């Protein structure tokens, strides 16, 4: 199991945009990303300076990526 780097929400959003997610809207401190093509998944990314490792791992899993695939997008 690979380790996830310590990244900010902005860096994570940029990585998810590379695979087809777009910023849909922001509710409070969470940025909601939506995938334009099928499957139309939504991700809720907390807008923090550094994302918690568990939160980032869950977002990567919900996006349908492995940790290695996600780190290659950074």
Protein backbone atom coordinates (compact mmCIF):
# COMPACT_ATOMS: atom_id res chain seq x y z
CA UNK A 1 0.00 0.00 0.00
CA UNK A 2 1.50 3.31 -1.07
CA UNK A 3 1.62 6.33 1.13
CA UNK A 4 -0.38 9.40 0.27
CA UNK A 5 1.48 12.72 0.26
CA UNK A 6 0.37 15.60 2.47
CA UNK A 7 -1.45 17.87 0.03
CA UNK A 8 -3.90 20.74 0.19
CA UNK A 9 -7.48 20.69 -1.06
CA UNK A 10 -6.47 22.88 -4.00
CA UNK A 11 -3.86 20.34 -5.14
CA UNK A 12 -6.35 17.48 -4.78
CA UNK A 13 -8.96 19.38 -6.80
CA UNK A 14 -6.42 20.00 -9.59
CA UNK A 15 -5.61 16.27 -9.68
CA UNK A 16 -9.29 15.29 -9.82
CA UNK A 17 -9.87 17.82 -12.63
CA UNK A 18 -7.30 15.96 -14.73
CA UNK A 19 -9.57 12.89 -14.79
CA UNK A 20 -12.79 14.73 -15.68
CA UNK A 21 -14.15 16.21 -12.44
CA UNK A 22 -15.33 19.81 -12.48
CA UNK A 23 -16.11 22.18 -9.64
CA UNK A 24 -19.90 22.14 -9.33
CA UNK A 25 -20.35 24.45 -6.35
CA UNK A 26 -19.13 25.21 -2.86
CA UNK A 27 -21.16 24.77 0.30
CA UNK A 28 -19.48 26.28 3.32
CA UNK A 29 -15.94 24.92 3.52
CA UNK A 30 -16.56 22.01 1.13
CA UNK A 31 -15.97 22.15 -2.62
CA UNK A 32 -18.32 19.82 -4.52
CA UNK A 33 -16.82 18.23 -7.63
CA UNK A 34 -18.94 16.52 -10.25
CA UNK A 35 -17.86 14.24 -13.06
CA UNK A 36 -19.23 15.33 -16.43
CA UNK A 37 -19.10 11.88 -18.10
CA UNK A 38 -20.61 8.68 -16.81
CA UNK A 39 -20.36 7.57 -14.06
CA UNK A 40 -21.62 10.89 -12.68
CA UNK A 41 -19.92 10.75 -9.31
CA UNK A 42 -19.74 13.60 -6.81
CA UNK A 43 -16.88 14.30 -4.46
CA UNK A 44 -17.04 16.61 -1.47
CA UNK A 45 -13.56 17.99 -0.78
CA UNK A 46 -13.04 19.93 2.46
CA UNK A 47 -11.27 23.19 1.62
CA UNK A 48 -8.36 22.83 4.07
CA UNK A 49 -4.68 23.67 3.84
CA UNK A 50 -3.82 20.03 4.42
CA UNK A 51 -6.25 17.17 3.94
CA UNK A 52 -6.28 14.40 6.53
CA UNK A 53 -4.82 11.13 5.21
CA UNK A 54 -8.03 9.17 5.80
CA UNK A 55 -10.15 11.82 4.09
CA UNK A 56 -7.86 11.91 1.07
CA UNK A 57 -7.78 8.10 0.86
CA UNK A 58 -11.60 8.00 0.93
CA UNK A 59 -11.83 10.63 -1.83
CA UNK A 60 -9.38 8.66 -3.98
CA UNK A 61 -11.40 5.48 -3.44
CA UNK A 62 -14.70 7.24 -4.24
CA UNK A 63 -13.18 8.58 -7.47
CA UNK A 64 -12.41 5.00 -8.51
CA UNK A 65 -8.63 5.41 -8.41
CA UNK A 66 -5.83 3.60 -6.70
CA UNK A 67 -3.34 5.51 -4.59
CA UNK A 68 -0.66 5.02 -7.24
CA UNK A 69 -2.93 6.39 -9.98
CA UNK A 70 -3.78 9.42 -7.84
CA UNK A 71 -0.15 10.21 -6.98
CA UNK A 72 0.74 10.08 -10.67
CA UNK A 73 -1.80 12.86 -11.27
CA UNK A 74 -0.10 15.21 -8.80
